[in-house]
Amino acid sequence: MYDSMSRIIWTILLLGYTYVDAASLRCYNGSLDNPLIVPLDFPRPLIDKSCINTSRVTKFFISGFNRNVTGEESVAVLSAYIKRGDVNVLYLDWAEEAKIGGLGTILGYIKAASNTQEVGFRFAAALLNLRDGGLEFTKVHLVGHSLGAQIAGITGNTLRDQGYILQRATCLDPARPLYSGLISFKNGVGPECAKQVDVVHTDPGGYGLAERVGTADFWPNYEGGKTVQPGCSTGEFALLSQDGLCSHILAWKFFVETINECNCFPAASSPDYATWTKTNGTTNSTIYMGEYVSPEARGNYYLVTNDRPLYGKGDEGTNPNNRIRN
């Protein structure tokens, strides 16, 4: 599947397409109703109209391929942050640039993956504009899932190249197709795209990256290669089917749980998977995965989870022997 994407990446580039300049920012004030919506290239009203309180941390959520603001992950993340009540909550809406359109799934994905570049560059420019209005980059937290995670990486890297650094990027199972391998974009998620880059790998080698790319990389239920999360079906599934996406989706479900419900995903620090399993999770360092991860976290962290909400196992989750088998 992914090899075929690599073989035909140049097709869409040779055919050419018109970039859809439709991205916007949505800012929420206490509920999902009636957000303040501004074009991505003209974001200053977010501050001028006081939707962004510059004394607070600002959370931006970015969803992935063929997703939009009404998607389950977007509603869940945005609602959780709104419920928290002490942060600015925004959504980077790139639904037009992310959709399949009439090209079919594979060509539609290639177009969307290509669009992440322009959206990331423009988002970086928007953040600089907001910075001129008083936004502090030390209080900016980007949260992205799948291709949205890669946009977070592009944005952070673009700002870094201009001498600025964002405080944090949380990258939930960053998309693998066209961001890994010989024919791929090279400026996505990486350890330098923010001061703190925490990455959650739930479908490594499938829809998600299998490489360590953050300052702290978390590997829930990892089995040393392609991982099927507890509660997900095994087998071969159609492209972008719900069964096939199950492990990929769980990255944001784990994360949402940590915002308000349960900070109960302790993970064991270990240099690699083999050491974690050999020592039965014994470690000198335990770090919580999710919203409240320590900014000092560095390296690889391993844990196991439940197969349904609440997913966090608490202290039992650091021991690989407590893994739930499908």
Protein backbone atom coordinates (compact mmCIF):
# COMPACT_ATOMS: atom_id res chain seq x y z
CA MET A 1 0.00 0.00 0.00
CA TYR A 2 2.60 2.53 1.07
CA ASP A 3 5.06 1.43 -1.63
CA SER A 4 2.44 2.20 -4.25
CA MET A 5 2.13 5.70 -2.76
CA SER A 6 5.86 6.20 -3.09
CA ARG A 7 5.89 4.97 -6.69
CA ILE A 8 3.22 7.40 -7.83
CA ILE A 9 4.06 10.45 -5.73
CA TRP A 10 5.41 12.18 -8.82
CA THR A 11 2.17 11.58 -10.70
CA ILE A 12 0.28 14.27 -8.89
CA LEU A 13 3.27 16.61 -9.00
CA LEU A 14 3.58 16.16 -12.77
CA LEU A 15 -0.16 16.53 -13.34
CA GLY A 16 -0.23 19.61 -11.16
CA TYR A 17 -3.12 20.85 -9.10
CA THR A 18 -4.39 24.14 -7.75
CA TYR A 19 -3.58 24.65 -4.08
CA VAL A 20 -6.79 25.46 -2.20
CA ASP A 21 -6.15 28.50 -0.03
CA ALA A 22 -8.93 27.84 2.47
CA ALA A 23 -7.26 27.18 5.83
CA SER A 24 -8.51 29.09 8.85
CA LEU A 25 -8.20 29.28 12.61
CA ARG A 26 -11.17 28.67 14.90
CA CYS A 27 -11.03 30.07 18.43
CA TYR A 28 -13.42 28.82 21.12
CA ASN A 29 -14.68 30.80 24.08
CA GLY A 30 -16.27 28.46 26.63
CA SER A 31 -18.03 26.09 24.20
CA LEU A 32 -17.87 24.62 20.72
CA ASP A 33 -20.66 26.96 19.63
CA ASN A 34 -20.02 30.14 17.67
CA PRO A 35 -16.21 30.09 17.39
CA LEU A 36 -14.37 33.14 16.13
CA ILE A 37 -13.15 32.10 12.67
CA VAL A 38 -10.39 33.98 10.88
CA PRO A 39 -8.40 33.25 7.68
CA LEU A 40 -5.05 31.64 8.43
CA ASP A 41 -3.25 34.53 6.73
CA PHE A 42 -5.08 37.20 8.81
CA PRO A 43 -5.15 35.93 12.40
CA ARG A 44 -4.75 39.18 14.36
CA PRO A 45 -8.48 39.55 15.25
CA LEU A 46 -8.01 36.54 17.54
CA ILE A 47 -6.05 38.84 19.84
CA ASP A 48 -7.73 42.13 18.97
CA LYS A 49 -11.13 40.64 19.85
CA SER A 50 -9.73 38.99 23.00
CA CYS A 51 -10.42 35.38 22.01
CA ILE A 52 -6.78 34.66 22.84
CA ASN A 53 -5.86 35.68 26.38
CA THR A 54 -2.10 36.12 26.09
CA SER A 55 -1.59 35.39 29.79
CA ARG A 56 -2.78 31.81 29.24
CA VAL A 57 -1.28 28.79 27.50
CA THR A 58 -2.68 28.47 23.97
CA LYS A 59 -3.59 25.03 22.62
CA PHE A 60 -3.91 24.45 18.86
CA PHE A 61 -5.35 21.14 17.65
CA ILE A 62 -4.65 19.90 14.11
CA SER A 63 -6.46 16.86 12.71
CA GLY A 64 -5.30 14.62 9.87
CA PHE A 65 -6.08 13.40 6.36
CA ASN A 66 -9.69 13.79 5.22
CA ARG A 67 -10.73 15.00 8.68
CA ASN A 68 -12.40 18.18 9.84
CA VAL A 69 -13.63 20.08 12.87
CA THR A 70 -16.70 17.85 13.28
CA GLY A 71 -14.60 14.66 13.43
CA GLU A 72 -14.65 12.59 16.59
CA GLU A 73 -11.05 13.42 17.47
CA SER A 74 -11.50 17.15 16.95
CA VAL A 75 -14.64 17.33 19.08
CA ALA A 76 -13.04 15.20 21.81
CA VAL A 77 -9.79 17.17 22.07
CA LEU A 78 -11.39 20.60 21.77
CA SER A 79 -14.13 19.73 24.27
CA ALA A 80 -11.63 18.40 26.79
CA TYR A 81 -9.57 21.58 26.67
CA ILE A 82 -12.68 23.78 26.84
CA LYS A 83 -13.84 21.80 29.88
CA ARG A 84 -10.48 22.45 31.52
CA GLY A 85 -11.23 26.14 31.34
CA ASP A 86 -7.79 27.63 31.93
CA VAL A 87 -6.31 27.61 28.39
CA ASN A 88 -6.98 29.22 25.02
CA VAL A 89 -8.45 26.61 22.65
CA LEU A 90 -8.03 26.82 18.86
CA TYR A 91 -8.38 24.55 15.85
CA LEU A 92 -6.34 24.79 12.66
CA ASP A 93 -8.96 24.08 10.03
CA TRP A 94 -7.32 22.73 6.86
CA ALA A 95 -10.23 20.49 5.87
CA GLU A 96 -10.29 21.63 2.23
CA GLU A 97 -6.57 21.02 1.85
CA ALA A 98 -6.86 17.66 3.66
CA LYS A 99 -9.85 16.11 1.89
CA ILE A 100 -9.77 13.28 -0.63
CA GLY A 101 -11.79 15.20 -3.18
CA GLY A 102 -12.33 13.49 -6.55
CA LEU A 103 -8.84 12.02 -6.85
CA GLY A 104 -9.44 8.77 -5.01
CA THR A 105 -7.85 7.72 -1.74
CA ILE A 106 -4.20 7.33 -2.78
CA LEU A 107 -3.91 10.41 -4.99
CA GLY A 108 -6.03 12.33 -2.50
CA TYR A 109 -3.59 11.40 0.26
CA ILE A 110 -0.61 12.46 -1.82
CA LYS A 111 -2.27 15.82 -2.48
CA ALA A 112 -3.08 16.26 1.22
CA ALA A 113 0.45 15.27 2.28
CA SER A 114 1.84 17.78 -0.20
CA ASN A 115 -0.50 20.44 1.16
CA THR A 116 0.87 19.95 4.67
CA GLN A 117 3.95 21.83 3.49
CA GLU A 118 2.12 25.00 2.50
CA VAL A 119 -0.25 24.83 5.46
CA GLY A 120 2.69 24.47 7.84
CA PHE A 121 4.53 27.42 6.30
CA ARG A 122 1.42 29.59 6.49
CA PHE A 123 0.64 28.50 10.05
CA ALA A 124 4.16 29.52 11.07
CA ALA A 125 3.57 32.95 9.51
CA ALA A 126 0.25 33.21 11.34
CA LEU A 127 1.93 32.44 14.66
CA LEU A 128 4.53 35.14 14.00
CA ASN A 129 1.70 37.57 13.32
CA LEU A 130 0.05 36.60 16.60
CA ARG A 131 3.41 36.94 18.36
CA ASP A 132 3.58 40.54 17.15
CA GLY A 133 0.21 40.99 18.85
CA GLY A 134 1.41 39.60 22.17
CA LEU A 135 1.27 35.80 21.89
CA GLU A 136 4.22 34.25 23.74
CA PHE A 137 5.78 31.21 22.08
CA THR A 138 6.71 29.90 25.53
CA LYS A 139 2.95 29.43 26.05
CA VAL A 140 2.12 27.75 22.73
CA HIS A 141 1.29 24.04 22.56
CA LEU A 142 0.54 22.38 19.21
CA VAL A 143 -1.33 19.06 19.30
CA GLY A 144 -1.59 17.16 16.03
CA HIS A 145 -2.78 13.73 14.95
CA SER A 146 -1.48 11.85 11.89
CA LEU A 147 -0.84 14.38 9.09
CA GLY A 148 -1.82 17.06 11.60
CA ALA A 149 1.19 16.02 13.66
CA GLN A 150 3.39 16.51 10.60
CA ILE A 151 1.96 20.01 10.16
CA ALA A 152 2.93 20.73 13.75
CA GLY A 153 6.46 19.59 12.91
CA ILE A 154 6.66 21.68 9.72
CA THR A 155 5.37 24.74 11.58
CA GLY A 156 7.87 24.36 14.39
CA ASN A 157 10.77 23.70 12.03
CA THR A 158 9.86 26.73 9.93
CA LEU A 159 9.86 28.96 13.00
CA ARG A 160 13.11 27.46 14.26
CA ASP A 161 14.77 28.28 10.94
CA GLN A 162 13.76 31.90 11.53
CA GLY A 163 15.19 31.96 15.05
CA TYR A 164 12.04 31.18 17.05
CA ILE A 165 11.14 28.14 19.12
CA LEU A 166 7.72 26.93 20.24
CA GLN A 167 7.35 25.53 23.73
CA ARG A 168 5.72 22.21 22.92
CA ALA A 169 4.44 19.96 20.15
CA THR A 170 2.46 16.82 20.99
CA CYS A 171 2.50 14.51 17.98
CA LEU A 172 -0.08 11.73 18.10
CA ASP A 173 0.97 8.85 15.83
CA PRO A 174 2.54 11.10 13.17
CA ALA A 175 1.64 9.96 9.65
CA ARG A 176 4.16 7.60 8.03
CA PRO A 177 3.19 7.52 4.31
CA LEU A 178 5.30 10.12 2.46
CA TYR A 179 7.04 11.09 5.71
CA SER A 180 9.27 8.04 5.94
CA GLY A 181 11.41 6.30 3.36
CA LEU A 182 13.44 7.31 0.35
CA ILE A 183 10.73 9.36 -1.35
CA SER A 184 9.37 11.47 1.47
CA PHE A 185 9.18 14.93 2.96
CA LYS A 186 12.03 15.53 5.40
CA ASN A 187 10.79 18.51 7.42
CA GLY A 188 8.05 16.94 9.50
CA VAL A 189 8.09 15.93 13.15
CA GLY A 190 11.55 16.01 14.71
CA PRO A 191 13.13 16.67 18.10
CA GLU A 192 13.94 20.27 17.21
CA CYS A 193 10.47 21.40 16.05
CA ALA A 194 9.74 22.61 19.60
CA LYS A 195 11.50 22.79 22.95
CA GLN A 196 9.45 19.78 24.05
CA VAL A 197 8.29 17.22 21.48
CA ASP A 198 6.32 14.33 22.95
CA VAL A 199 5.31 11.65 20.47
CA VAL A 200 2.82 8.82 20.98
CA HIS A 201 3.33 5.84 18.64
CA THR A 202 0.25 3.58 18.46
CA ASP A 203 0.55 2.24 14.90
CA PRO A 204 4.30 2.19 14.22
CA GLY A 205 5.10 0.88 10.77
CA GLY A 206 1.46 1.12 9.71
CA TYR A 207 -0.21 4.48 9.35
CA GLY A 208 2.23 5.92 11.91
CA LEU A 209 5.98 6.46 12.03
CA ALA A 210 8.10 3.65 13.46
CA GLU A 211 11.13 5.88 14.19
CA ARG A 212 11.93 7.86 17.30
CA VAL A 213 11.33 11.49 16.32
CA GLY A 214 10.68 13.41 19.53
CA THR A 215 12.47 14.53 22.64
CA ALA A 216 10.31 11.90 24.35
CA ASP A 217 8.74 9.00 22.44
CA PHE A 218 6.03 6.87 24.02
CA TRP A 219 5.35 3.34 22.78
CA PRO A 220 2.07 2.02 24.26
CA ASN A 221 1.61 -1.74 23.90
CA TYR A 222 4.64 -1.91 21.61
CA GLU A 223 5.67 -5.40 20.47
CA GLY A 224 8.91 -4.70 18.66
CA GLY A 225 7.44 -3.91 15.26
CA LYS A 226 4.02 -3.40 13.71
CA THR A 227 1.75 -3.12 16.74
CA VAL A 228 -1.94 -3.94 17.00
CA GLN A 229 -3.39 -2.17 20.01
CA PRO A 230 -5.53 -4.09 22.53
CA GLY A 231 -9.15 -4.04 21.45
CA CYS A 232 -8.27 -3.71 17.75
CA SER A 233 -8.77 -6.49 15.22
CA THR A 234 -5.90 -8.28 13.51
CA GLY A 235 -5.73 -9.04 9.80
CA GLU A 236 -5.62 -7.26 6.45
CA PHE A 237 -8.10 -4.43 6.02
CA ALA A 238 -9.18 -2.05 3.30
CA LEU A 239 -7.32 1.25 3.04
CA LEU A 240 -8.58 3.71 5.68
CA SER A 241 -11.17 1.27 7.03
CA GLN A 242 -12.16 1.67 10.67
CA ASP A 243 -10.63 -1.70 11.56
CA GLY A 244 -7.40 -0.80 9.79
CA LEU A 245 -7.25 2.62 11.47
CA CYS A 246 -8.06 1.35 14.96
CA SER A 247 -4.51 1.44 16.34
CA HIS A 248 -3.79 4.79 14.66
CA ILE A 249 -6.91 6.34 16.19
CA LEU A 250 -6.08 5.23 19.71
CA ALA A 251 -3.24 7.76 19.95
CA TRP A 252 -5.69 10.64 20.33
CA LYS A 253 -8.05 8.59 22.51
CA PHE A 254 -5.23 7.92 24.98
CA PHE A 255 -4.26 11.58 24.94
CA VAL A 256 -7.79 12.92 25.49
CA GLU A 257 -8.14 10.72 28.53
CA THR A 258 -5.18 12.47 30.15
CA ILE A 259 -6.53 16.03 29.80
CA ASN A 260 -9.29 15.77 32.39
CA GLU A 261 -10.24 12.19 33.11
CA CYS A 262 -7.16 10.30 34.21
CA ASN A 263 -3.47 11.09 34.36
CA CYS A 264 -2.81 7.37 34.67
CA PHE A 265 -0.45 6.40 31.85
CA PRO A 266 2.89 6.00 33.65
CA ALA A 267 5.56 4.79 31.25
CA ALA A 268 8.90 3.17 31.96
CA SER A 269 12.06 4.77 30.64
CA SER A 270 14.16 2.27 28.71
CA PRO A 271 16.76 2.53 25.95
CA ASP A 272 14.81 0.07 23.80
CA TYR A 273 11.97 -2.42 23.71
CA ALA A 274 14.19 -5.44 24.36
CA THR A 275 15.55 -3.95 27.58
CA TRP A 276 12.05 -3.02 28.78
CA THR A 277 10.75 -6.57 28.30
CA LYS A 278 13.90 -8.22 29.69
CA THR A 279 13.72 -6.18 32.91
CA ASN A 280 9.92 -6.55 33.24
CA GLY A 281 9.58 -2.80 33.19
CA THR A 282 11.97 -2.15 36.06
CA THR A 283 13.23 1.39 35.64
CA ASN A 284 14.82 4.28 37.47
CA SER A 285 12.53 6.74 35.70
CA THR A 286 8.77 6.73 35.24
CA ILE A 287 7.13 9.51 33.23
CA TYR A 288 3.42 10.08 32.62
CA MET A 289 2.35 10.01 28.97
CA GLY A 290 -0.09 12.65 27.80
CA GLU A 291 -1.10 16.20 28.56
CA TYR A 292 0.94 16.48 31.73
CA VAL A 293 4.16 14.84 30.57
CA SER A 294 7.24 16.19 32.31
CA PRO A 295 9.16 18.74 30.23
CA GLU A 296 12.32 16.94 31.38
CA ALA A 297 11.33 13.67 29.68
CA ARG A 298 13.95 12.42 27.22
CA GLY A 299 14.26 9.15 25.32
CA ASN A 300 11.96 6.15 24.90
CA TYR A 301 9.13 5.22 27.25
CA TYR A 302 7.11 2.01 27.22
CA LEU A 303 3.76 1.05 28.73
CA VAL A 304 0.71 -1.16 28.32
CA THR A 305 -2.92 -0.08 28.45
CA ASN A 306 -6.43 -1.39 28.87
CA ASP A 307 -8.43 -2.37 25.78
CA ARG A 308 -11.28 0.05 26.52
CA PRO A 309 -11.83 3.31 28.44
CA LEU A 310 -10.45 4.14 30.84
CA TYR A 311 -7.36 3.05 28.93
CA GLY A 312 -4.79 3.97 31.58
CA LYS A 313 -3.63 1.07 33.77
CA GLY A 314 -1.84 3.16 36.37
CA ASP A 315 1.31 1.64 37.83
CA GLU A 316 0.49 -1.79 36.39
CA GLY A 317 1.03 -0.31 32.95
CA THR A 318 4.80 -0.12 33.25
CA ASN A 319 5.14 -3.92 33.34
CA PRO A 320 5.05 -5.59 29.89
CA ASN A 321 3.71 -8.78 31.51
CA ASN A 322 0.40 -6.98 32.09
CA ARG A 323 -0.20 -6.64 28.35
CA ILE A 324 -3.72 -7.50 27.15
CA ARG A 325 -3.63 -9.89 24.20
CA ASN A 326 -6.09 -9.60 21.32
